């Protein structure tokens, strides 16, 4: 009897030991599907003037098709005839001759071009819209009124603004030729605000002095400008 009791006790002890050695079952986490937000298709950004720069970052909207622009949609100077000529286009606010800072890099490019070749000259032509050429705001008896003014003055002031910027960059004044073309050479219709804004401009170019003097009637010549514009 005593041996059976010890045997029973031994079995119980062994059972307890085995039970304590068993690890607690670990609950396995099944793979859960990861939520992926659906892709939202964004429509292409609008580019109203088709210059390759979206309207949202275009600082110069309504740029004509023929004008080369920078990454912000503003006109830049471009080389047209190899290394012999460089264009400059600057646009102005209505009735203003203030040179906007966004055009200063283009003035710098022309100045650099001039410094690279002592045979180059700069030709600047100032232009106005038809409305600007005919009217200006003046104060009469405390009220702003429209009055006739000298037709060429604003184009002249615009050309002078660019000339002054070039002189500040050490371009000799005797290498800068300025013309006031008033509204005689529009590049867009004057019957819309968009068209007028494109005519309120300076067109400039750096080119060989010989080409300018002996170019006959082409658009890079002294003869051509004197036909439409007033030199000053």
C-alpha atoms as a PDB file:
ATOM      1  CA  UNK A   1       0.000   0.000   0.000  1.00  0.00           C
ATOM      2  CA  UNK A   2       2.690   2.379   0.913  1.00  0.00           C
ATOM      3  CA  UNK A   3       4.502   1.745  -2.364  1.00  0.00           C
ATOM      4  CA  UNK A   4       1.315   2.436  -4.329  1.00  0.00           C
ATOM      5  CA  UNK A   5       0.878   5.717  -2.462  1.00  0.00           C
ATOM      6  CA  UNK A   6       4.371   6.773  -3.347  1.00  0.00           C
ATOM      7  CA  UNK A   7       3.757   5.745  -6.933  1.00  0.00           C
ATOM      8  CA  UNK A   8       0.586   7.807  -7.058  1.00  0.00           C
ATOM      9  CA  UNK A   9       2.380  10.790  -5.590  1.00  0.00           C
ATOM     10  CA  UNK A  10       5.157  10.391  -8.144  1.00  0.00           C
ATOM     11  CA  UNK A  11       2.716  10.362 -11.013  1.00  0.00           C
ATOM     12  CA  UNK A  12       1.095  13.529  -9.712  1.00  0.00           C
ATOM     13  CA  UNK A  13       4.443  15.284  -9.359  1.00  0.00           C
ATOM     14  CA  UNK A  14       5.466  14.244 -12.874  1.00  0.00           C
ATOM     15  CA  UNK A  15       2.167  15.510 -14.224  1.00  0.00           C
ATOM     16  CA  UNK A  16       2.675  18.865 -12.551  1.00  0.00           C
ATOM     17  CA  UNK A  17       6.204  19.171 -13.920  1.00  0.00           C
ATOM     18  CA  UNK A  18       5.067  18.381 -17.466  1.00  0.00           C
ATOM     19  CA  UNK A  19       2.226  20.874 -17.203  1.00  0.00           C
ATOM     20  CA  UNK A  20       4.594  23.652 -16.079  1.00  0.00           C
ATOM     21  CA  UNK A  21       6.944  22.996 -19.013  1.00  0.00           C
ATOM     22  CA  UNK A  22       4.262  23.465 -21.641  1.00  0.00           C
ATOM     23  CA  UNK A  23       4.391  26.965 -23.214  1.00  0.00           C
ATOM     24  CA  UNK A  24       1.340  29.102 -23.355  1.00  0.00           C
ATOM     25  CA  UNK A  25      -0.157  28.994 -26.857  1.00  0.00           C
ATOM     26  CA  UNK A  26       0.596  32.108 -28.793  1.00  0.00           C
ATOM     27  CA  UNK A  27      -2.251  33.597 -30.703  1.00  0.00           C
ATOM     28  CA  UNK A  28      -1.191  33.958 -34.315  1.00  0.00           C
ATOM     29  CA  UNK A  29      -2.055  37.278 -35.918  1.00  0.00           C
ATOM     30  CA  UNK A  30      -3.399  36.680 -39.344  1.00  0.00           C
ATOM     31  CA  UNK A  31      -2.268  38.981 -42.163  1.00  0.00           C
ATOM     32  CA  UNK A  32      -4.481  42.005 -42.439  1.00  0.00           C
ATOM     33  CA  UNK A  33      -5.042  43.870 -45.673  1.00  0.00           C
ATOM     34  CA  UNK A  34      -3.230  47.208 -45.669  1.00  0.00           C
ATOM     35  CA  UNK A  35      -5.466  50.127 -46.605  1.00  0.00           C
ATOM     36  CA  UNK A  36      -4.218  51.944 -49.648  1.00  0.00           C
ATOM     37  CA  UNK A  37      -5.851  55.239 -50.464  1.00  0.00           C
ATOM     38  CA  UNK A  38      -7.117  55.331 -54.014  1.00  0.00           C
ATOM     39  CA  UNK A  39      -5.113  57.474 -56.417  1.00  0.00           C
ATOM     40  CA  UNK A  40      -6.719  60.734 -57.398  1.00  0.00           C
ATOM     41  CA  UNK A  41      -6.171  61.752 -60.986  1.00  0.00           C
ATOM     42  CA  UNK A  42      -5.255  65.429 -61.265  1.00  0.00           C
ATOM     43  CA  UNK A  43      -6.166  67.201 -64.447  1.00  0.00           C
ATOM     44  CA  UNK A  44      -3.270  68.877 -66.297  1.00  0.00           C
ATOM     45  CA  UNK A  45      -2.678  72.457 -65.147  1.00  0.00           C
ATOM     46  CA  UNK A  46      -4.105  75.098 -67.438  1.00  0.00           C
ATOM     47  CA  UNK A  47      -1.696  76.976 -69.710  1.00  0.00           C
ATOM     48  CA  UNK A  48      -3.819  79.706 -71.258  1.00  0.00           C
ATOM     49  CA  UNK A  49      -1.115  81.325 -73.392  1.00  0.00           C
ATOM     50  CA  UNK A  50       0.444  78.001 -74.431  1.00  0.00           C
ATOM     51  CA  UNK A  51       3.966  79.038 -73.497  1.00  0.00           C
ATOM     52  CA  UNK A  52       4.691  75.787 -71.656  1.00  0.00           C
ATOM     53  CA  UNK A  53       4.337  77.373 -68.195  1.00  0.00           C
ATOM     54  CA  UNK A  54       1.185  76.575 -66.139  1.00  0.00           C
ATOM     55  CA  UNK A  55      -0.985  79.563 -65.291  1.00  0.00           C
ATOM     56  CA  UNK A  56      -0.499  78.924 -61.571  1.00  0.00           C
ATOM     57  CA  UNK A  57       3.184  79.968 -61.795  1.00  0.00           C
ATOM     58  CA  UNK A  58       3.049  82.113 -64.946  1.00  0.00           C
ATOM     59  CA  UNK A  59       4.178  85.618 -63.938  1.00  0.00           C
ATOM     60  CA  UNK A  60       3.605  86.958 -67.445  1.00  0.00           C
ATOM     61  CA  UNK A  61       0.238  85.723 -68.732  1.00  0.00           C
ATOM     62  CA  UNK A  62      -0.912  86.200 -72.322  1.00  0.00           C
ATOM     63  CA  UNK A  63       2.592  85.993 -73.785  1.00  0.00           C
ATOM     64  CA  UNK A  64       2.526  85.951 -77.617  1.00  0.00           C
ATOM     65  CA  UNK A  65       3.418  82.688 -79.323  1.00  0.00           C
ATOM     66  CA  UNK A  66       6.567  84.128 -80.884  1.00  0.00           C
ATOM     67  CA  UNK A  67       8.120  85.154 -77.562  1.00  0.00           C
ATOM     68  CA  UNK A  68      10.542  82.772 -75.828  1.00  0.00           C
ATOM     69  CA  UNK A  69       9.899  82.616 -72.067  1.00  0.00           C
ATOM     70  CA  UNK A  70      11.758  81.577 -68.943  1.00  0.00           C
ATOM     71  CA  UNK A  71      10.541  79.025 -66.375  1.00  0.00           C
ATOM     72  CA  UNK A  72       8.098  81.581 -64.959  1.00  0.00           C
ATOM     73  CA  UNK A  73       6.575  82.460 -68.339  1.00  0.00           C
ATOM     74  CA  UNK A  74       8.317  85.811 -68.810  1.00  0.00           C
ATOM     75  CA  UNK A  75      10.100  86.910 -72.008  1.00  0.00           C
ATOM     76  CA  UNK A  76      13.826  86.215 -72.210  1.00  0.00           C
ATOM     77  CA  UNK A  77      16.555  87.418 -74.476  1.00  0.00           C
ATOM     78  CA  UNK A  78      17.316  84.938 -77.215  1.00  0.00           C
ATOM     79  CA  UNK A  79      20.055  84.628 -79.783  1.00  0.00           C
ATOM     80  CA  UNK A  80      18.597  84.992 -83.276  1.00  0.00           C
ATOM     81  CA  UNK A  81      21.564  85.148 -85.651  1.00  0.00           C
ATOM     82  CA  UNK A  82      24.289  82.914 -84.303  1.00  0.00           C
ATOM     83  CA  UNK A  83      26.430  84.920 -81.920  1.00  0.00           C
ATOM     84  CA  UNK A  84      25.909  88.236 -83.690  1.00  0.00           C
ATOM     85  CA  UNK A  85      22.581  89.453 -82.348  1.00  0.00           C
ATOM     86  CA  UNK A  86      20.590  89.224 -79.136  1.00  0.00           C
ATOM     87  CA  UNK A  87      17.012  90.322 -78.578  1.00  0.00           C
ATOM     88  CA  UNK A  88      15.508  91.964 -75.536  1.00  0.00           C
ATOM     89  CA  UNK A  89      11.791  92.360 -74.823  1.00  0.00           C
ATOM     90  CA  UNK A  90      10.507  94.320 -71.831  1.00  0.00           C
ATOM     91  CA  UNK A  91       6.823  95.016 -71.201  1.00  0.00           C
ATOM     92  CA  UNK A  92       5.365  97.860 -69.152  1.00  0.00           C
ATOM     93  CA  UNK A  93       2.218  98.577 -67.181  1.00  0.00           C
ATOM     94  CA  UNK A  94      -0.307 100.962 -68.704  1.00  0.00           C
ATOM     95  CA  UNK A  95       0.978 104.572 -68.771  1.00  0.00           C
ATOM     96  CA  UNK A  96       4.180 103.518 -66.959  1.00  0.00           C
ATOM     97  CA  UNK A  97       7.866 103.645 -67.815  1.00  0.00           C
ATOM     98  CA  UNK A  98       8.978 101.777 -64.679  1.00  0.00           C
ATOM     99  CA  UNK A  99      11.357  98.898 -65.391  1.00  0.00           C
ATOM    100  CA  UNK A 100      10.057  95.922 -63.418  1.00  0.00           C
ATOM    101  CA  UNK A 101      12.669  93.888 -61.534  1.00  0.00           C
ATOM    102  CA  UNK A 102      11.655  90.649 -63.272  1.00  0.00           C
ATOM    103  CA  UNK A 103      13.224  91.992 -66.486  1.00  0.00           C
ATOM    104  CA  UNK A 104      16.586  92.901 -64.940  1.00  0.00           C
ATOM    105  CA  UNK A 105      18.150  89.469 -65.698  1.00  0.00           C
ATOM    106  CA  UNK A 106      17.438  90.061 -69.390  1.00  0.00           C
ATOM    107  CA  UNK A 107      19.084  93.482 -69.242  1.00  0.00           C
ATOM    108  CA  UNK A 108      22.071  91.781 -67.599  1.00  0.00           C
ATOM    109  CA  UNK A 109      22.319  89.316 -70.488  1.00  0.00           C
ATOM    110  CA  UNK A 110      22.433  92.123 -73.036  1.00  0.00           C
ATOM    111  CA  UNK A 111      25.099  93.933 -71.003  1.00  0.00           C
ATOM    112  CA  UNK A 112      27.186  90.752 -70.851  1.00  0.00           C
ATOM    113  CA  UNK A 113      26.805  90.341 -74.600  1.00  0.00           C
ATOM    114  CA  UNK A 114      28.011  93.902 -75.144  1.00  0.00           C
ATOM    115  CA  UNK A 115      31.043  93.416 -72.920  1.00  0.00           C
ATOM    116  CA  UNK A 116      31.970  90.275 -74.873  1.00  0.00           C
ATOM    117  CA  UNK A 117      32.368  92.124 -78.190  1.00  0.00           C
ATOM    118  CA  UNK A 118      33.482  95.764 -78.576  1.00  0.00           C
ATOM    119  CA  UNK A 119      31.971  95.921 -82.091  1.00  0.00           C
ATOM    120  CA  UNK A 120      28.406  95.547 -80.838  1.00  0.00           C
ATOM    121  CA  UNK A 121      25.883  98.334 -80.362  1.00  0.00           C
ATOM    122  CA  UNK A 122      22.510  98.274 -78.595  1.00  0.00           C
ATOM    123  CA  UNK A 123      19.375  99.466 -80.370  1.00  0.00           C
ATOM    124  CA  UNK A 124      16.352 100.257 -78.186  1.00  0.00           C
ATOM    125  CA  UNK A 125      12.907 101.125 -79.539  1.00  0.00           C
ATOM    126  CA  UNK A 126      10.191 102.365 -77.204  1.00  0.00           C
ATOM    127  CA  UNK A 127       6.577 101.487 -78.052  1.00  0.00           C
ATOM    128  CA  UNK A 128       3.172 102.405 -76.669  1.00  0.00           C
ATOM    129  CA  UNK A 129      -0.377 101.234 -77.138  1.00  0.00           C
ATOM    130  CA  UNK A 130      -2.683 103.396 -79.189  1.00  0.00           C
ATOM    131  CA  UNK A 131      -4.574 104.417 -76.050  1.00  0.00           C
ATOM    132  CA  UNK A 132      -1.373 105.486 -74.296  1.00  0.00           C
ATOM    133  CA  UNK A 133      -0.209 107.489 -77.305  1.00  0.00           C
ATOM    134  CA  UNK A 134      -3.432 109.496 -77.378  1.00  0.00           C
ATOM    135  CA  UNK A 135      -4.207 110.089 -73.715  1.00  0.00           C
ATOM    136  CA  UNK A 136      -2.813 110.548 -70.265  1.00  0.00           C
ATOM    137  CA  UNK A 137      -4.399 111.263 -66.888  1.00  0.00           C
ATOM    138  CA  UNK A 138      -3.955 114.808 -65.624  1.00  0.00           C
ATOM    139  CA  UNK A 139      -5.437 116.617 -62.649  1.00  0.00           C
ATOM    140  CA  UNK A 140      -7.778 119.469 -63.508  1.00  0.00           C
ATOM    141  CA  UNK A 141      -9.665 121.270 -60.726  1.00  0.00           C
ATOM    142  CA  UNK A 142      -9.047 118.397 -58.346  1.00  0.00           C
ATOM    143  CA  UNK A 143     -10.300 115.690 -60.699  1.00  0.00           C
ATOM    144  CA  UNK A 144      -8.484 113.241 -62.952  1.00  0.00           C
ATOM    145  CA  UNK A 145      -9.232 113.900 -66.621  1.00  0.00           C
ATOM    146  CA  UNK A 146      -8.004 112.618 -69.969  1.00  0.00           C
ATOM    147  CA  UNK A 147      -5.939 115.061 -72.010  1.00  0.00           C
ATOM    148  CA  UNK A 148      -4.058 114.946 -75.308  1.00  0.00           C
ATOM    149  CA  UNK A 149      -0.277 114.772 -74.888  1.00  0.00           C
ATOM    150  CA  UNK A 150       2.814 114.637 -77.066  1.00  0.00           C
ATOM    151  CA  UNK A 151       2.444 111.311 -78.841  1.00  0.00           C
ATOM    152  CA  UNK A 152       6.031 110.085 -78.533  1.00  0.00           C
ATOM    153  CA  UNK A 153       6.896 110.946 -74.944  1.00  0.00           C
ATOM    154  CA  UNK A 154       6.050 107.667 -73.162  1.00  0.00           C
ATOM    155  CA  UNK A 155       7.911 105.514 -75.690  1.00  0.00           C
ATOM    156  CA  UNK A 156      10.920 107.791 -75.231  1.00  0.00           C
ATOM    157  CA  UNK A 157      10.756 107.451 -71.448  1.00  0.00           C
ATOM    158  CA  UNK A 158      10.629 103.664 -71.703  1.00  0.00           C
ATOM    159  CA  UNK A 159      13.684 103.570 -73.940  1.00  0.00           C
ATOM    160  CA  UNK A 160      15.498 105.879 -71.541  1.00  0.00           C
ATOM    161  CA  UNK A 161      14.706 103.548 -68.642  1.00  0.00           C
ATOM    162  CA  UNK A 162      16.447 100.639 -70.364  1.00  0.00           C
ATOM    163  CA  UNK A 163      19.307 102.852 -71.533  1.00  0.00           C
ATOM    164  CA  UNK A 164      19.881 104.011 -67.965  1.00  0.00           C
ATOM    165  CA  UNK A 165      19.932 100.396 -66.717  1.00  0.00           C
ATOM    166  CA  UNK A 166      22.564  99.502 -69.334  1.00  0.00           C
ATOM    167  CA  UNK A 167      24.718 102.543 -68.509  1.00  0.00           C
ATOM    168  CA  UNK A 168      24.676 101.448 -64.849  1.00  0.00           C
ATOM    169  CA  UNK A 169      26.161  98.162 -66.112  1.00  0.00           C
ATOM    170  CA  UNK A 170      29.064 100.028 -67.731  1.00  0.00           C
ATOM    171  CA  UNK A 171      27.754 100.138 -71.297  1.00  0.00           C
ATOM    172  CA  UNK A 172      28.964 103.335 -72.987  1.00  0.00           C
ATOM    173  CA  UNK A 173      26.125 105.689 -73.884  1.00  0.00           C
ATOM    174  CA  UNK A 174      27.512 106.209 -77.408  1.00  0.00           C
ATOM    175  CA  UNK A 175      26.921 102.508 -78.082  1.00  0.00           C
ATOM    176  CA  UNK A 176      23.223 102.765 -77.233  1.00  0.00           C
ATOM    177  CA  UNK A 177      20.837 103.954 -79.949  1.00  0.00           C
ATOM    178  CA  UNK A 178      17.342 104.908 -78.820  1.00  0.00           C
ATOM    179  CA  UNK A 179      14.175 105.392 -80.854  1.00  0.00           C
ATOM    180  CA  UNK A 180      10.677 106.465 -79.903  1.00  0.00           C
ATOM    181  CA  UNK A 181       8.239 104.549 -82.097  1.00  0.00           C
ATOM    182  CA  UNK A 182       5.073 105.568 -80.223  1.00  0.00           C
ATOM    183  CA  UNK A 183       2.194 103.393 -81.478  1.00  0.00           C
ATOM    184  CA  UNK A 184       3.501 103.099 -85.045  1.00  0.00           C
ATOM    185  CA  UNK A 185       4.689  99.469 -84.818  1.00  0.00           C
ATOM    186  CA  UNK A 186       2.083  97.406 -82.891  1.00  0.00           C
ATOM    187  CA  UNK A 187       2.589  93.658 -82.499  1.00  0.00           C
ATOM    188  CA  UNK A 188      -0.987  93.011 -81.319  1.00  0.00           C
ATOM    189  CA  UNK A 189      -4.439  94.575 -81.853  1.00  0.00           C
ATOM    190  CA  UNK A 190      -5.088  97.690 -79.768  1.00  0.00           C
ATOM    191  CA  UNK A 191      -8.801  97.015 -79.326  1.00  0.00           C
ATOM    192  CA  UNK A 192      -8.315  94.653 -76.359  1.00  0.00           C
ATOM    193  CA  UNK A 193      -6.539  95.056 -73.033  1.00  0.00           C
ATOM    194  CA  UNK A 194      -4.416  91.996 -73.802  1.00  0.00           C
ATOM    195  CA  UNK A 195      -3.307  93.426 -77.136  1.00  0.00           C
ATOM    196  CA  UNK A 196      -2.509  96.818 -75.658  1.00  0.00           C
ATOM    197  CA  UNK A 197      -0.410  95.248 -72.903  1.00  0.00           C
ATOM    198  CA  UNK A 198       1.787  93.577 -75.539  1.00  0.00           C
ATOM    199  CA  UNK A 199       2.289  96.882 -77.363  1.00  0.00           C
ATOM    200  CA  UNK A 200       3.459  98.641 -74.190  1.00  0.00           C
ATOM    201  CA  UNK A 201       7.028  97.506 -74.638  1.00  0.00           C
ATOM    202  CA  UNK A 202      10.690  97.993 -75.351  1.00  0.00           C
ATOM    203  CA  UNK A 203      12.224  95.981 -78.142  1.00  0.00           C
ATOM    204  CA  UNK A 204      16.001  95.920 -78.054  1.00  0.00           C
ATOM    205  CA  UNK A 205      18.839  94.141 -79.747  1.00  0.00           C
ATOM    206  CA  UNK A 206      22.604  93.958 -79.563  1.00  0.00           C
ATOM    207  CA  UNK A 207      24.180  93.601 -82.992  1.00  0.00           C
ATOM    208  CA  UNK A 208      27.261  94.482 -85.027  1.00  0.00           C
ATOM    209  CA  UNK A 209      27.538  98.223 -85.648  1.00  0.00           C
ATOM    210  CA  UNK A 210      28.243  97.668 -89.361  1.00  0.00           C
ATOM    211  CA  UNK A 211      25.047  95.626 -89.736  1.00  0.00           C
ATOM    212  CA  UNK A 212      23.056  98.402 -88.106  1.00  0.00           C
ATOM    213  CA  UNK A 213      24.436 101.189 -90.298  1.00  0.00           C
ATOM    214  CA  UNK A 214      24.587  99.367 -93.635  1.00  0.00           C
ATOM    215  CA  UNK A 215      21.629  97.006 -93.263  1.00  0.00           C
ATOM    216  CA  UNK A 216      19.486  98.917 -95.763  1.00  0.00           C
ATOM    217  CA  UNK A 217      15.775  98.524 -95.080  1.00  0.00           C
ATOM    218  CA  UNK A 218      15.857  95.362 -93.005  1.00  0.00           C
ATOM    219  CA  UNK A 219      14.484  95.295 -89.469  1.00  0.00           C
ATOM    220  CA  UNK A 220      17.933  95.572 -87.906  1.00  0.00           C
ATOM    221  CA  UNK A 221      18.900  98.775 -89.707  1.00  0.00           C
ATOM    222  CA  UNK A 222      19.060 102.471 -88.957  1.00  0.00           C
ATOM    223  CA  UNK A 223      17.113 103.158 -92.176  1.00  0.00           C
ATOM    224  CA  UNK A 224      14.248 100.942 -91.075  1.00  0.00           C
ATOM    225  CA  UNK A 225      13.864 102.644 -87.708  1.00  0.00           C
ATOM    226  CA  UNK A 226      14.005 106.136 -89.142  1.00  0.00           C
ATOM    227  CA  UNK A 227      11.074 105.244 -91.369  1.00  0.00           C
ATOM    228  CA  UNK A 228       8.740 104.599 -88.416  1.00  0.00           C
ATOM    229  CA  UNK A 229      10.400 106.105 -85.345  1.00  0.00           C
ATOM    230  CA  UNK A 230      12.101 109.185 -84.027  1.00  0.00           C
ATOM    231  CA  UNK A 231      15.740 108.862 -82.977  1.00  0.00           C
ATOM    232  CA  UNK A 232      16.824 110.734 -79.892  1.00  0.00           C
END
